[in-house]
Amino acid sequence: MIEALKDNTLVDKVGGRFKLCALIQRRLQQLLDGERPLIDRGGRSDLELVIEEIRLDLITLEFNADASDEAMEGSGAALL
């Protein structure tokens, strides 16, 4: 298991388990779609990379309250 997920540090950092899950899912999809990692891979899996990017505050999840459910793709939740 990834050590960073054993305590609530990341959960508290992003504002809850749901937001952490959404951030991980969105970033993993970006990596699968060909986006480049923000840190050196160093033999780590995609999930380990995403967790480290979050831990280092390289990515965050920002919700836009004005976005409709249909517009959620791309404008409703922005990965920064």
Protein backbone atom coordinates (compact mmCIF):
# COMPACT_ATOMS: atom_id res chain seq x y z
CA MET A 1 0.00 0.00 0.00
CA ILE A 2 1.16 3.54 -0.66
CA GLU A 3 2.40 5.00 2.62
CA ALA A 4 0.92 8.46 1.98
CA LEU A 5 -2.59 6.95 1.93
CA LYS A 6 -2.26 5.36 5.38
CA ASP A 7 -3.02 8.58 7.26
CA ASN A 8 -5.34 11.49 6.60
CA THR A 9 -2.70 14.04 5.59
CA LEU A 10 -3.65 14.03 1.90
CA VAL A 11 -7.37 13.88 2.72
CA ASP A 12 -7.02 16.99 4.88
CA LYS A 13 -4.84 18.72 2.29
CA VAL A 14 -7.42 18.48 -0.51
CA GLY A 15 -10.50 18.89 1.66
CA GLY A 16 -11.97 15.39 1.98
CA ARG A 17 -11.95 11.85 0.68
CA PHE A 18 -14.29 12.58 -2.21
CA LYS A 19 -12.12 15.44 -3.47
CA LEU A 20 -8.98 13.32 -3.09
CA CYS A 21 -10.57 10.50 -5.06
CA ALA A 22 -11.75 12.91 -7.78
CA LEU A 23 -8.30 14.50 -8.03
CA ILE A 24 -6.54 11.13 -8.27
CA GLN A 25 -9.01 9.88 -10.88
CA ARG A 26 -8.76 13.00 -13.04
CA ARG A 27 -4.94 13.08 -12.93
CA LEU A 28 -4.65 9.34 -13.65
CA GLN A 29 -6.87 9.83 -16.71
CA GLN A 30 -4.64 12.69 -17.88
CA LEU A 31 -1.56 10.47 -17.56
CA LEU A 32 -3.31 7.67 -19.46
CA ASP A 33 -4.24 10.19 -22.17
CA GLY A 34 -0.56 11.03 -22.66
CA GLU A 35 0.07 13.97 -20.33
CA ARG A 36 3.59 14.10 -18.98
CA PRO A 37 4.25 13.61 -15.25
CA LEU A 38 5.22 16.73 -13.30
CA ILE A 39 7.97 14.84 -11.48
CA ASP A 40 10.53 12.22 -12.44
CA ARG A 41 8.90 8.79 -12.69
CA GLY A 42 11.76 7.00 -10.94
CA GLY A 43 10.20 3.56 -11.49
CA ARG A 44 6.93 4.54 -9.80
CA SER A 45 3.47 3.53 -11.00
CA ASP A 46 1.00 6.12 -12.28
CA LEU A 47 -0.87 6.03 -8.96
CA GLU A 48 2.33 6.57 -6.99
CA LEU A 49 3.19 9.50 -9.28
CA VAL A 50 -0.20 11.13 -8.74
CA ILE A 51 0.02 10.73 -4.96
CA GLU A 52 3.47 12.33 -4.96
CA GLU A 53 2.28 15.21 -7.17
CA ILE A 54 -0.53 15.86 -4.69
CA ARG A 55 1.82 15.56 -1.71
CA LEU A 56 4.16 18.13 -3.28
CA ASP A 57 1.23 20.51 -4.02
CA LEU A 58 1.87 20.32 -7.77
CA ILE A 59 -1.79 19.63 -8.56
CA THR A 60 -5.08 20.67 -6.97
CA LEU A 61 -8.75 20.26 -7.77
CA GLU A 62 -10.80 23.41 -8.18
CA PHE A 63 -14.58 23.28 -8.44
CA ASN A 64 -16.54 25.91 -10.35
CA ALA A 65 -20.02 26.31 -8.84
CA ASP A 66 -21.32 27.98 -12.03
CA ALA A 67 -20.66 24.93 -14.22
CA SER A 68 -23.60 22.74 -15.15
CA ASP A 69 -23.49 18.95 -14.93
CA GLU A 70 -23.26 18.71 -18.73
CA ALA A 71 -20.28 21.08 -18.76
CA MET A 72 -18.40 19.22 -16.02
CA GLU A 73 -15.89 17.91 -18.56
CA GLY A 74 -13.11 20.46 -18.62
CA SER A 75 -14.82 23.49 -17.07
CA GLY A 76 -16.70 22.13 -14.05
CA ALA A 77 -13.66 20.76 -12.27
CA ALA A 78 -10.29 22.06 -13.24
CA LEU A 79 -7.08 20.27 -12.50
CA LEU A 80 -4.37 22.82 -11.92
